[in-house]
Amino acid sequence: EIIQAAKAEAEEEAGKISQKSGEAVAIYGE
């Protein structure tokens, strides 16, 4: 259960990081 919670939290965090990276790339592209 702790491992699954940690994986879910990690995936959520990875999604946030990925979104921020995408926004940063878009801003840099502009």
mmCIF file of all heavy atoms, coordinates in Angstrom:
data_MODEL
# 
_entry.id   MODEL 
# 
loop_
_atom_site.group_PDB 
_atom_site.id 
_atom_site.type_symbol 
_atom_site.label_atom_id 
_atom_site.label_alt_id 
_atom_site.label_comp_id 
_atom_site.label_asym_id 
_atom_site.label_entity_id 
_atom_site.label_seq_id 
_atom_site.pdbx_PDB_ins_code 
_atom_site.Cartn_x 
_atom_site.Cartn_y 
_atom_site.Cartn_z 
_atom_site.occupancy 
_atom_site.B_iso_or_equiv 
_atom_site.pdbx_formal_charge 
_atom_site.auth_seq_id 
_atom_site.auth_comp_id 
_atom_site.auth_asym_id 
_atom_site.auth_atom_id 
_atom_site.pdbx_PDB_model_num 
ATOM 1   N N   . GLU A 1 1  ? 0.835  -1.201 0.000   1.00 0.00 ? 1  GLU A N   1 
ATOM 2   C CA  . GLU A 1 1  ? 0.000  0.000  0.000   1.00 0.00 ? 1  GLU A CA  1 
ATOM 3   C C   . GLU A 1 1  ? 0.868  1.249  0.000   1.00 0.00 ? 1  GLU A C   1 
ATOM 4   O O   . GLU A 1 1  ? 0.610  2.211  -0.741  1.00 0.00 ? 1  GLU A O   1 
ATOM 5   C CB  . GLU A 1 1  ? -0.879 -0.025 1.261   1.00 0.00 ? 1  GLU A CB  1 
ATOM 6   C CG  . GLU A 1 1  ? -1.953 1.012  1.290   1.00 0.00 ? 1  GLU A CG  1 
ATOM 7   C CD  . GLU A 1 1  ? -2.764 0.914  2.580   1.00 0.00 ? 1  GLU A CD  1 
ATOM 8   O OE1 . GLU A 1 1  ? -3.285 -0.159 2.903   1.00 0.00 ? 1  GLU A OE1 1 
ATOM 9   O OE2 . GLU A 1 1  ? -2.877 1.961  3.251   1.00 0.00 ? 1  GLU A OE2 1 
ATOM 10  N N   . ILE A 1 2  ? 1.946  1.255  0.785   1.00 0.00 ? 2  ILE A N   1 
ATOM 11  C CA  . ILE A 1 2  ? 2.878  2.400  0.855   1.00 0.00 ? 2  ILE A CA  1 
ATOM 12  C C   . ILE A 1 2  ? 3.584  2.556  -0.492  1.00 0.00 ? 2  ILE A C   1 
ATOM 13  O O   . ILE A 1 2  ? 3.736  3.678  -1.001  1.00 0.00 ? 2  ILE A O   1 
ATOM 14  C CB  . ILE A 1 2  ? 3.888  2.207  2.015   1.00 0.00 ? 2  ILE A CB  1 
ATOM 15  C CG1 . ILE A 1 2  ? 3.167  2.299  3.350   1.00 0.00 ? 2  ILE A CG1 1 
ATOM 16  C CG2 . ILE A 1 2  ? 4.998  3.229  1.934   1.00 0.00 ? 2  ILE A CG2 1 
ATOM 17  C CD1 . ILE A 1 2  ? 4.022  1.960  4.561   1.00 0.00 ? 2  ILE A CD1 1 
ATOM 18  N N   . ILE A 1 3  ? 3.976  1.430  -1.088  1.00 0.00 ? 3  ILE A N   1 
ATOM 19  C CA  . ILE A 1 3  ? 4.662  1.465  -2.394  1.00 0.00 ? 3  ILE A CA  1 
ATOM 20  C C   . ILE A 1 3  ? 3.713  2.034  -3.446  1.00 0.00 ? 3  ILE A C   1 
ATOM 21  O O   . ILE A 1 3  ? 4.112  2.882  -4.254  1.00 0.00 ? 3  ILE A O   1 
ATOM 22  C CB  . ILE A 1 3  ? 5.176  0.062  -2.789  1.00 0.00 ? 3  ILE A CB  1 
ATOM 23  C CG1 . ILE A 1 3  ? 6.328  -0.325 -1.868  1.00 0.00 ? 3  ILE A CG1 1 
ATOM 24  C CG2 . ILE A 1 3  ? 5.596  0.014  -4.233  1.00 0.00 ? 3  ILE A CG2 1 
ATOM 25  C CD1 . ILE A 1 3  ? 6.810  -1.755 -2.048  1.00 0.00 ? 3  ILE A CD1 1 
ATOM 26  N N   . GLN A 1 4  ? 2.452  1.583  -3.455  1.00 0.00 ? 4  GLN A N   1 
ATOM 27  C CA  . GLN A 1 4  ? 1.464  2.074  -4.433  1.00 0.00 ? 4  GLN A CA  1 
ATOM 28  C C   . GLN A 1 4  ? 1.206  3.568  -4.235  1.00 0.00 ? 4  GLN A C   1 
ATOM 29  O O   . GLN A 1 4  ? 1.100  4.325  -5.207  1.00 0.00 ? 4  GLN A O   1 
ATOM 30  C CB  . GLN A 1 4  ? 0.152  1.283  -4.317  1.00 0.00 ? 4  GLN A CB  1 
ATOM 31  C CG  . GLN A 1 4  ? 0.242  -0.152 -4.792  1.00 0.00 ? 4  GLN A CG  1 
ATOM 32  C CD  . GLN A 1 4  ? 0.724  -0.266 -6.224  1.00 0.00 ? 4  GLN A CD  1 
ATOM 33  O OE1 . GLN A 1 4  ? 0.384  0.540  -7.084  1.00 0.00 ? 4  GLN A OE1 1 
ATOM 34  N NE2 . GLN A 1 4  ? 1.552  -1.250 -6.484  1.00 0.00 ? 4  GLN A NE2 1 
ATOM 35  N N   . ALA A 1 5  ? 1.122  3.999  -2.976  1.00 0.00 ? 5  ALA A N   1 
ATOM 36  C CA  . ALA A 1 5  ? 0.905  5.421  -2.680  1.00 0.00 ? 5  ALA A CA  1 
ATOM 37  C C   . ALA A 1 5  ? 2.112  6.249  -3.148  1.00 0.00 ? 5  ALA A C   1 
ATOM 38  O O   . ALA A 1 5  ? 1.955  7.332  -3.728  1.00 0.00 ? 5  ALA A O   1 
ATOM 39  C CB  . ALA A 1 5  ? 0.662  5.622  -1.193  1.00 0.00 ? 5  ALA A CB  1 
ATOM 40  N N   . ALA A 1 6  ? 3.305  5.714  -2.903  1.00 0.00 ? 6  ALA A N   1 
ATOM 41  C CA  . ALA A 1 6  ? 4.528  6.391  -3.319  1.00 0.00 ? 6  ALA A CA  1 
ATOM 42  C C   . ALA A 1 6  ? 4.597  6.472  -4.843  1.00 0.00 ? 6  ALA A C   1 
ATOM 43  O O   . ALA A 1 6  ? 4.983  7.503  -5.420  1.00 0.00 ? 6  ALA A O   1 
ATOM 44  C CB  . ALA A 1 6  ? 5.756  5.687  -2.753  1.00 0.00 ? 6  ALA A CB  1 
ATOM 45  N N   . LYS A 1 7  ? 4.200  5.365  -5.536  1.00 0.00 ? 7  LYS A N   1 
ATOM 46  C CA  . LYS A 1 7  ? 4.198  5.369  -7.008  1.00 0.00 ? 7  LYS A CA  1 
ATOM 47  C C   . LYS A 1 7  ? 3.205  6.393  -7.532  1.00 0.00 ? 7  LYS A C   1 
ATOM 48  O O   . LYS A 1 7  ? 3.487  7.139  -8.466  1.00 0.00 ? 7  LYS A O   1 
ATOM 49  C CB  . LYS A 1 7  ? 3.834  3.974  -7.540  1.00 0.00 ? 7  LYS A CB  1 
ATOM 50  C CG  . LYS A 1 7  ? 4.967  2.999  -7.563  1.00 0.00 ? 7  LYS A CG  1 
ATOM 51  C CD  . LYS A 1 7  ? 4.515  1.690  -8.203  1.00 0.00 ? 7  LYS A CD  1 
ATOM 52  C CE  . LYS A 1 7  ? 5.642  0.674  -8.237  1.00 0.00 ? 7  LYS A CE  1 
ATOM 53  N NZ  . LYS A 1 7  ? 5.206  -0.591 -8.843  1.00 0.00 ? 7  LYS A NZ  1 
ATOM 54  N N   . ALA A 1 8  ? 2.024  6.454  -6.915  1.00 0.00 ? 8  ALA A N   1 
ATOM 55  C CA  . ALA A 1 8  ? 0.994  7.408  -7.359  1.00 0.00 ? 8  ALA A CA  1 
ATOM 56  C C   . ALA A 1 8  ? 1.479  8.846  -7.153  1.00 0.00 ? 8  ALA A C   1 
ATOM 57  O O   . ALA A 1 8  ? 1.311  9.712  -8.015  1.00 0.00 ? 8  ALA A O   1 
ATOM 58  C CB  . ALA A 1 8  ? -0.303 7.158  -6.612  1.00 0.00 ? 8  ALA A CB  1 
ATOM 59  N N   . GLU A 1 9  ? 2.095  9.056  -5.986  1.00 0.00 ? 9  GLU A N   1 
ATOM 60  C CA  . GLU A 1 9  ? 2.627  10.388 -5.684  1.00 0.00 ? 9  GLU A CA  1 
ATOM 61  C C   . GLU A 1 9  ? 3.749  10.739 -6.645  1.00 0.00 ? 9  GLU A C   1 
ATOM 62  O O   . GLU A 1 9  ? 3.840  11.870 -7.137  1.00 0.00 ? 9  GLU A O   1 
ATOM 63  C CB  . GLU A 1 9  ? 3.129  10.418 -4.233  1.00 0.00 ? 9  GLU A CB  1 
ATOM 64  C CG  . GLU A 1 9  ? 3.500  11.805 -3.752  1.00 0.00 ? 9  GLU A CG  1 
ATOM 65  C CD  . GLU A 1 9  ? 3.961  11.814 -2.297  1.00 0.00 ? 9  GLU A CD  1 
ATOM 66  O OE1 . GLU A 1 9  ? 3.398  11.070 -1.468  1.00 0.00 ? 9  GLU A OE1 1 
ATOM 67  O OE2 . GLU A 1 9  ? 4.902  12.584 -2.026  1.00 0.00 ? 9  GLU A OE2 1 
ATOM 68  N N   . ALA A 1 10 ? 4.611  9.782  -6.954  1.00 0.00 ? 10 ALA A N   1 
ATOM 69  C CA  . ALA A 1 10 ? 5.722  10.000 -7.880  1.00 0.00 ? 10 ALA A CA  1 
ATOM 70  C C   . ALA A 1 10 ? 5.192  10.298 -9.282  1.00 0.00 ? 10 ALA A C   1 
ATOM 71  O O   . ALA A 1 10 ? 5.706  11.185 -9.982  1.00 0.00 ? 10 ALA A O   1 
ATOM 72  C CB  . ALA A 1 10 ? 6.643  8.791  -7.900  1.00 0.00 ? 10 ALA A CB  1 
ATOM 73  N N   . GLU A 1 11 ? 4.153  9.550  -9.704  1.00 0.00 ? 11 GLU A N   1 
ATOM 74  C CA  . GLU A 1 11 ? 3.572  9.795  -11.034 1.00 0.00 ? 11 GLU A CA  1 
ATOM 75  C C   . GLU A 1 11 ? 2.925  11.178 -11.092 1.00 0.00 ? 11 GLU A C   1 
ATOM 76  O O   . GLU A 1 11 ? 3.046  11.888 -12.096 1.00 0.00 ? 11 GLU A O   1 
ATOM 77  C CB  . GLU A 1 11 ? 2.547  8.705  -11.372 1.00 0.00 ? 11 GLU A CB  1 
ATOM 78  C CG  . GLU A 1 11 ? 3.180  7.376  -11.745 1.00 0.00 ? 11 GLU A CG  1 
ATOM 79  C CD  . GLU A 1 11 ? 2.138  6.302  -12.052 1.00 0.00 ? 11 GLU A CD  1 
ATOM 80  O OE1 . GLU A 1 11 ? 0.964  6.647  -12.306 1.00 0.00 ? 11 GLU A OE1 1 
ATOM 81  O OE2 . GLU A 1 11 ? 2.524  5.123  -12.046 1.00 0.00 ? 11 GLU A OE2 1 
ATOM 82  N N   . GLU A 1 12 ? 2.253  11.533 -10.004 1.00 0.00 ? 12 GLU A N   1 
ATOM 83  C CA  . GLU A 1 12 ? 1.639  12.867 -9.953  1.00 0.00 ? 12 GLU A CA  1 
ATOM 84  C C   . GLU A 1 12 ? 2.711  13.945 -10.019 1.00 0.00 ? 12 GLU A C   1 
ATOM 85  O O   . GLU A 1 12 ? 2.584  14.926 -10.745 1.00 0.00 ? 12 GLU A O   1 
ATOM 86  C CB  . GLU A 1 12 ? 0.815  13.002 -8.666  1.00 0.00 ? 12 GLU A CB  1 
ATOM 87  C CG  . GLU A 1 12 ? 0.068  14.312 -8.571  1.00 0.00 ? 12 GLU A CG  1 
ATOM 88  C CD  . GLU A 1 12 ? -0.716 14.441 -7.271  1.00 0.00 ? 12 GLU A CD  1 
ATOM 89  O OE1 . GLU A 1 12 ? -1.191 13.428 -6.727  1.00 0.00 ? 12 GLU A OE1 1 
ATOM 90  O OE2 . GLU A 1 12 ? -0.858 15.596 -6.801  1.00 0.00 ? 12 GLU A OE2 1 
ATOM 91  N N   . GLU A 1 13 ? 3.775  13.787 -9.249  1.00 0.00 ? 13 GLU A N   1 
ATOM 92  C CA  . GLU A 1 13 ? 4.897  14.734 -9.230  1.00 0.00 ? 13 GLU A CA  1 
ATOM 93  C C   . GLU A 1 13 ? 5.565  14.772 -10.597 1.00 0.00 ? 13 GLU A C   1 
ATOM 94  O O   . GLU A 1 13 ? 5.909  15.859 -11.099 1.00 0.00 ? 13 GLU A O   1 
ATOM 95  C CB  . GLU A 1 13 ? 5.897  14.330 -8.142  1.00 0.00 ? 13 GLU A CB  1 
ATOM 96  C CG  . GLU A 1 13 ? 6.913  15.400 -7.796  1.00 0.00 ? 13 GLU A CG  1 
ATOM 97  C CD  . GLU A 1 13 ? 6.299  16.680 -7.221  1.00 0.00 ? 13 GLU A CD  1 
ATOM 98  O OE1 . GLU A 1 13 ? 5.259  16.633 -6.539  1.00 0.00 ? 13 GLU A OE1 1 
ATOM 99  O OE2 . GLU A 1 13 ? 6.855  17.755 -7.509  1.00 0.00 ? 13 GLU A OE2 1 
ATOM 100 N N   . ALA A 1 14 ? 5.741  13.607 -11.223 1.00 0.00 ? 14 ALA A N   1 
ATOM 101 C CA  . ALA A 1 14 ? 6.347  13.546 -12.557 1.00 0.00 ? 14 ALA A CA  1 
ATOM 102 C C   . ALA A 1 14 ? 5.464  14.276 -13.557 1.00 0.00 ? 14 ALA A C   1 
ATOM 103 O O   . ALA A 1 14 ? 5.955  14.974 -14.454 1.00 0.00 ? 14 ALA A O   1 
ATOM 104 C CB  . ALA A 1 14 ? 6.554  12.101 -12.984 1.00 0.00 ? 14 ALA A CB  1 
ATOM 105 N N   . GLY A 1 15 ? 4.153  14.144 -13.423 1.00 0.00 ? 15 GLY A N   1 
ATOM 106 C CA  . GLY A 1 15 ? 3.211  14.846 -14.305 1.00 0.00 ? 15 GLY A CA  1 
ATOM 107 C C   . GLY A 1 15 ? 3.331  16.347 -14.153 1.00 0.00 ? 15 GLY A C   1 
ATOM 108 O O   . GLY A 1 15 ? 3.342  17.095 -15.139 1.00 0.00 ? 15 GLY A O   1 
ATOM 109 N N   . LYS A 1 16 ? 3.445  16.815 -12.886 1.00 0.00 ? 16 LYS A N   1 
ATOM 110 C CA  . LYS A 1 16 ? 3.607  18.244 -12.630 1.00 0.00 ? 16 LYS A CA  1 
ATOM 111 C C   . LYS A 1 16 ? 4.917  18.756 -13.224 1.00 0.00 ? 16 LYS A C   1 
ATOM 112 O O   . LYS A 1 16 ? 4.950  19.813 -13.848 1.00 0.00 ? 16 LYS A O   1 
ATOM 113 C CB  . LYS A 1 16 ? 3.576  18.520 -11.119 1.00 0.00 ? 16 LYS A CB  1 
ATOM 114 C CG  . LYS A 1 16 ? 2.211  18.384 -10.485 1.00 0.00 ? 16 LYS A CG  1 
ATOM 115 C CD  . LYS A 1 16 ? 2.293  18.672 -8.987  1.00 0.00 ? 16 LYS A CD  1 
ATOM 116 C CE  . LYS A 1 16 ? 0.952  18.476 -8.281  1.00 0.00 ? 16 LYS A CE  1 
ATOM 117 N NZ  . LYS A 1 16 ? 1.057  18.690 -6.839  1.00 0.00 ? 16 LYS A NZ  1 
ATOM 118 N N   . ILE A 1 17 ? 5.979  17.992 -13.012 1.00 0.00 ? 17 ILE A N   1 
ATOM 119 C CA  . ILE A 1 17 ? 7.303  18.374 -13.554 1.00 0.00 ? 17 ILE A CA  1 
ATOM 120 C C   . ILE A 1 17 ? 7.246  18.403 -15.078 1.00 0.00 ? 17 ILE A C   1 
ATOM 121 O O   . ILE A 1 17 ? 7.761  19.320 -15.721 1.00 0.00 ? 17 ILE A O   1 
ATOM 122 C CB  . ILE A 1 17 ? 8.401  17.420 -13.038 1.00 0.00 ? 17 ILE A CB  1 
ATOM 123 C CG1 . ILE A 1 17 ? 8.612  17.640 -11.534 1.00 0.00 ? 17 ILE A CG1 1 
ATOM 124 C CG2 . ILE A 1 17 ? 9.700  17.610 -13.798 1.00 0.00 ? 17 ILE A CG2 1 
ATOM 125 C CD1 . ILE A 1 17 ? 9.522  16.614 -10.867 1.00 0.00 ? 17 ILE A CD1 1 
ATOM 126 N N   . SER A 1 18 ? 6.596  17.399 -15.655 1.00 0.00 ? 18 SER A N   1 
ATOM 127 C CA  . SER A 1 18 ? 6.471  17.329 -17.107 1.00 0.00 ? 18 SER A CA  1 
ATOM 128 C C   . SER A 1 18 ? 5.680  18.528 -17.631 1.00 0.00 ? 18 SER A C   1 
ATOM 129 O O   . SER A 1 18 ? 6.042  19.126 -18.647 1.00 0.00 ? 18 SER A O   1 
ATOM 130 C CB  . SER A 1 18 ? 5.790  16.025 -17.501 1.00 0.00 ? 18 SER A CB  1 
ATOM 131 O OG  . SER A 1 18 ? 5.619  15.970 -18.895 1.00 0.00 ? 18 SER A OG  1 
ATOM 132 N N   . GLN A 1 19 ? 4.614  18.889 -16.934 1.00 0.00 ? 19 GLN A N   1 
ATOM 133 C CA  . GLN A 1 19 ? 3.796  20.035 -17.346 1.00 0.00 ? 19 GLN A CA  1 
ATOM 134 C C   . GLN A 1 19 ? 4.610  21.324 -17.256 1.00 0.00 ? 19 GLN A C   1 
ATOM 135 O O   . GLN A 1 19 ? 4.587  22.140 -18.168 1.00 0.00 ? 19 GLN A O   1 
ATOM 136 C CB  . GLN A 1 19 ? 2.549  20.131 -16.476 1.00 0.00 ? 19 GLN A CB  1 
ATOM 137 C CG  . GLN A 1 19 ? 1.632  21.280 -16.880 1.00 0.00 ? 19 GLN A CG  1 
ATOM 138 C CD  . GLN A 1 19 ? 0.403  21.394 -15.987 1.00 0.00 ? 19 GLN A CD  1 
ATOM 139 O OE1 . GLN A 1 19 ? 0.179  20.572 -15.104 1.00 0.00 ? 19 GLN A OE1 1 
ATOM 140 N NE2 . GLN A 1 19 ? -0.389 22.423 -16.213 1.00 0.00 ? 19 GLN A NE2 1 
ATOM 141 N N   . LYS A 1 20 ? 5.354  21.510 -16.147 1.00 0.00 ? 20 LYS A N   1 
ATOM 142 C CA  . LYS A 1 20 ? 6.187  22.695 -15.979 1.00 0.00 ? 20 LYS A CA  1 
ATOM 143 C C   . LYS A 1 20 ? 7.262  22.743 -17.062 1.00 0.00 ? 20 LYS A C   1 
ATOM 144 O O   . LYS A 1 20 ? 7.554  23.809 -17.605 1.00 0.00 ? 20 LYS A O   1 
ATOM 145 C CB  . LYS A 1 20 ? 6.836  22.711 -14.584 1.00 0.00 ? 20 LYS A CB  1 
ATOM 146 C CG  . LYS A 1 20 ? 5.894  23.110 -13.487 1.00 0.00 ? 20 LYS A CG  1 
ATOM 147 C CD  . LYS A 1 20 ? 6.619  23.183 -12.151 1.00 0.00 ? 20 LYS A CD  1 
ATOM 148 C CE  . LYS A 1 20 ? 5.667  23.562 -11.028 1.00 0.00 ? 20 LYS A CE  1 
ATOM 149 N NZ  . LYS A 1 20 ? 6.350  23.621 -9.737  1.00 0.00 ? 20 LYS A NZ  1 
ATOM 150 N N   . SER A 1 21 ? 7.846  21.584 -17.367 1.00 0.00 ? 21 SER A N   1 
ATOM 151 C CA  . SER A 1 21 ? 8.861  21.529 -18.426 1.00 0.00 ? 21 SER A CA  1 
ATOM 152 C C   . SER A 1 21 ? 8.257  21.927 -19.764 1.00 0.00 ? 21 SER A C   1 
ATOM 153 O O   . SER A 1 21 ? 8.858  22.671 -20.543 1.00 0.00 ? 21 SER A O   1 
ATOM 154 C CB  . SER A 1 21 ? 9.445  20.130 -18.545 1.00 0.00 ? 21 SER A CB  1 
ATOM 155 O OG  . SER A 1 21 ? 10.219 19.816 -17.433 1.00 0.00 ? 21 SER A OG  1 
ATOM 156 N N   . GLY A 1 22 ? 7.058  21.426 -20.032 1.00 0.00 ? 22 GLY A N   1 
ATOM 157 C CA  . GLY A 1 22 ? 6.365  21.774 -21.283 1.00 0.00 ? 22 GLY A CA  1 
ATOM 158 C C   . GLY A 1 22 ? 6.099  23.259 -21.376 1.00 0.00 ? 22 GLY A C   1 
ATOM 159 O O   . GLY A 1 22 ? 6.292  23.885 -22.429 1.00 0.00 ? 22 GLY A O   1 
ATOM 160 N N   . GLU A 1 23 ? 5.655  23.842 -20.256 1.00 0.00 ? 23 GLU A N   1 
ATOM 161 C CA  . GLU A 1 23 ? 5.408  25.286 -20.231 1.00 0.00 ? 23 GLU A CA  1 
ATOM 162 C C   . GLU A 1 23 ? 6.705  26.063 -20.422 1.00 0.00 ? 23 GLU A C   1 
ATOM 163 O O   . GLU A 1 23 ? 6.743  27.050 -21.151 1.00 0.00 ? 23 GLU A O   1 
ATOM 164 C CB  . GLU A 1 23 ? 4.738  25.669 -18.910 1.00 0.00 ? 23 GLU A CB  1 
ATOM 165 C CG  . GLU A 1 23 ? 3.315  25.175 -18.777 1.00 0.00 ? 23 GLU A CG  1 
ATOM 166 C CD  . GLU A 1 23 ? 2.738  25.369 -17.375 1.00 0.00 ? 23 GLU A CD  1 
ATOM 167 O OE1 . GLU A 1 23 ? 3.444  25.903 -16.488 1.00 0.00 ? 23 GLU A OE1 1 
ATOM 168 O OE2 . GLU A 1 23 ? 1.565  24.980 -17.169 1.00 0.00 ? 23 GLU A OE2 1 
ATOM 169 N N   . ALA A 1 24 ? 7.778  25.606 -19.754 1.00 0.00 ? 24 ALA A N   1 
ATOM 170 C CA  . ALA A 1 24 ? 9.075  26.270 -19.886 1.00 0.00 ? 24 ALA A CA  1 
ATOM 171 C C   . ALA A 1 24 ? 9.580  26.187 -21.325 1.00 0.00 ? 24 ALA A C   1 
ATOM 172 O O   . ALA A 1 24 ? 10.110 27.165 -21.875 1.00 0.00 ? 24 ALA A O   1 
ATOM 173 C CB  . ALA A 1 24 ? 10.098 25.660 -18.924 1.00 0.00 ? 24 ALA A CB  1 
ATOM 174 N N   . VAL A 1 25 ? 9.413  25.020 -21.942 1.00 0.00 ? 25 VAL A N   1 
ATOM 175 C CA  . VAL A 1 25 ? 9.830  24.852 -23.337 1.00 0.00 ? 25 VAL A CA  1 
ATOM 176 C C   . VAL A 1 25 ? 9.017  25.774 -24.238 1.00 0.00 ? 25 VAL A C   1 
ATOM 177 O O   . VAL A 1 25 ? 9.553  26.416 -25.147 1.00 0.00 ? 25 VAL A O   1 
ATOM 178 C CB  . VAL A 1 25 ? 9.699  23.375 -23.782 1.00 0.00 ? 25 VAL A CB  1 
ATOM 179 C CG1 . VAL A 1 25 ? 9.808  23.231 -25.283 1.00 0.00 ? 25 VAL A CG1 1 
ATOM 180 C CG2 . VAL A 1 25 ? 10.747 22.518 -23.083 1.00 0.00 ? 25 VAL A CG2 1 
ATOM 181 N N   . ALA A 1 26 ? 7.710  25.880 -23.996 1.00 0.00 ? 26 ALA A N   1 
ATOM 182 C CA  . ALA A 1 26 ? 6.855  26.759 -24.796 1.00 0.00 ? 26 ALA A CA  1 
ATOM 183 C C   . ALA A 1 26 ? 7.274  28.222 -24.637 1.00 0.00 ? 26 ALA A C   1 
ATOM 184 O O   . ALA A 1 26 ? 7.367  28.965 -25.622 1.00 0.00 ? 26 ALA A O   1 
ATOM 185 C CB  . ALA A 1 26 ? 5.392  26.577 -24.407 1.00 0.00 ? 26 ALA A CB  1 
ATOM 186 N N   . ILE A 1 27 ? 7.531  28.630 -23.382 1.00 0.00 ? 27 ILE A N   1 
ATOM 187 C CA  . ILE A 1 27 ? 7.971  30.006 -23.125 1.00 0.00 ? 27 ILE A CA  1 
ATOM 188 C C   . ILE A 1 27 ? 9.303  30.267 -23.807 1.00 0.00 ? 27 ILE A C   1 
ATOM 189 O O   . ILE A 1 27 ? 9.497  31.299 -24.452 1.00 0.00 ? 27 ILE A O   1 
ATOM 190 C CB  . ILE A 1 27 ? 8.048  30.287 -21.602 1.00 0.00 ? 27 ILE A CB  1 
ATOM 191 C CG1 . ILE A 1 27 ? 6.635  30.319 -21.016 1.00 0.00 ? 27 ILE A CG1 1 
ATOM 192 C CG2 . ILE A 1 27 ? 8.784  31.579 -21.316 1.00 0.00 ? 27 ILE A CG2 1 
ATOM 193 C CD1 . ILE A 1 27 ? 6.601  30.353 -19.494 1.00 0.00 ? 27 ILE A CD1 1 
ATOM 194 N N   . TYR A 1 28 ? 10.235 29.327 -23.679 1.00 0.00 ? 28 TYR A N   1 
ATOM 195 C CA  . TYR A 1 28 ? 11.539 29.465 -24.323 1.00 0.00 ? 28 TYR A CA  1 
ATOM 196 C C   . TYR A 1 28 ? 11.372 29.543 -25.841 1.00 0.00 ? 28 TYR A C   1 
ATOM 197 O O   . TYR A 1 28 ? 12.021 30.361 -26.503 1.00 0.00 ? 28 TYR A O   1 
ATOM 198 C CB  . TYR A 1 28 ? 12.452 28.295 -23.932 1.00 0.00 ? 28 TYR A CB  1 
ATOM 199 C CG  . TYR A 1 28 ? 13.844 28.420 -24.499 1.00 0.00 ? 28 TYR A CG  1 
ATOM 200 C CD1 . TYR A 1 28 ? 14.743 29.347 -23.980 1.00 0.00 ? 28 TYR A CD1 1 
ATOM 201 C CD2 . TYR A 1 28 ? 14.247 27.632 -25.565 1.00 0.00 ? 28 TYR A CD2 1 
ATOM 202 C CE1 . TYR A 1 28 ? 16.016 29.469 -24.511 1.00 0.00 ? 28 TYR A CE1 1 
ATOM 203 C CE2 . TYR A 1 28 ? 15.509 27.745 -26.104 1.00 0.00 ? 28 TYR A CE2 1 
ATOM 204 C CZ  . TYR A 1 28 ? 16.394 28.664 -25.576 1.00 0.00 ? 28 TYR A CZ  1 
ATOM 205 O OH  . TYR A 1 28 ? 17.647 28.790 -26.110 1.00 0.00 ? 28 TYR A OH  1 
ATOM 206 N N   . GLY A 1 29 ? 10.491 28.724 -26.394 1.00 0.00 ? 29 GLY A N   1 
ATOM 207 C CA  . GLY A 1 29 ? 10.233 28.747 -27.834 1.00 0.00 ? 29 GLY A CA  1 
ATOM 208 C C   . GLY A 1 29 ? 9.700  30.096 -28.284 1.00 0.00 ? 29 GLY A C   1 
ATOM 209 O O   . GLY A 1 29 ? 10.098 30.620 -29.327 1.00 0.00 ? 29 GLY A O   1 
ATOM 210 N N   . GLU A 1 30 ? 8.804  30.698 -27.484 1.00 0.00 ? 30 GLU A N   1 
ATOM 211 C CA  . GLU A 1 30 ? 8.266  32.021 -27.803 1.00 0.00 ? 30 GLU A CA  1 
ATOM 212 C C   . GLU A 1 30 ? 9.369  33.075 -27.753 1.00 0.00 ? 30 GLU A C   1 
ATOM 213 O O   . GLU A 1 30 ? 9.417  33.973 -28.595 1.00 0.00 ? 30 GLU A O   1 
ATOM 214 C CB  . GLU A 1 30 ? 7.134  32.393 -26.837 1.00 0.00 ? 30 GLU A CB  1 
ATOM 215 C CG  . GLU A 1 30 ? 5.844  31.649 -27.088 1.00 0.00 ? 30 GLU A CG  1 
ATOM 216 C CD  . GLU A 1 30 ? 5.263  31.945 -28.456 1.00 0.00 ? 30 GLU A CD  1 
ATOM 217 O OE1 . GLU A 1 30 ? 5.243  33.128 -28.881 1.00 0.00 ? 30 GLU A OE1 1 
ATOM 218 O OE2 . GLU A 1 30 ? 4.837  30.984 -29.132 1.00 0.00 ? 30 GLU A OE2 1 
# 
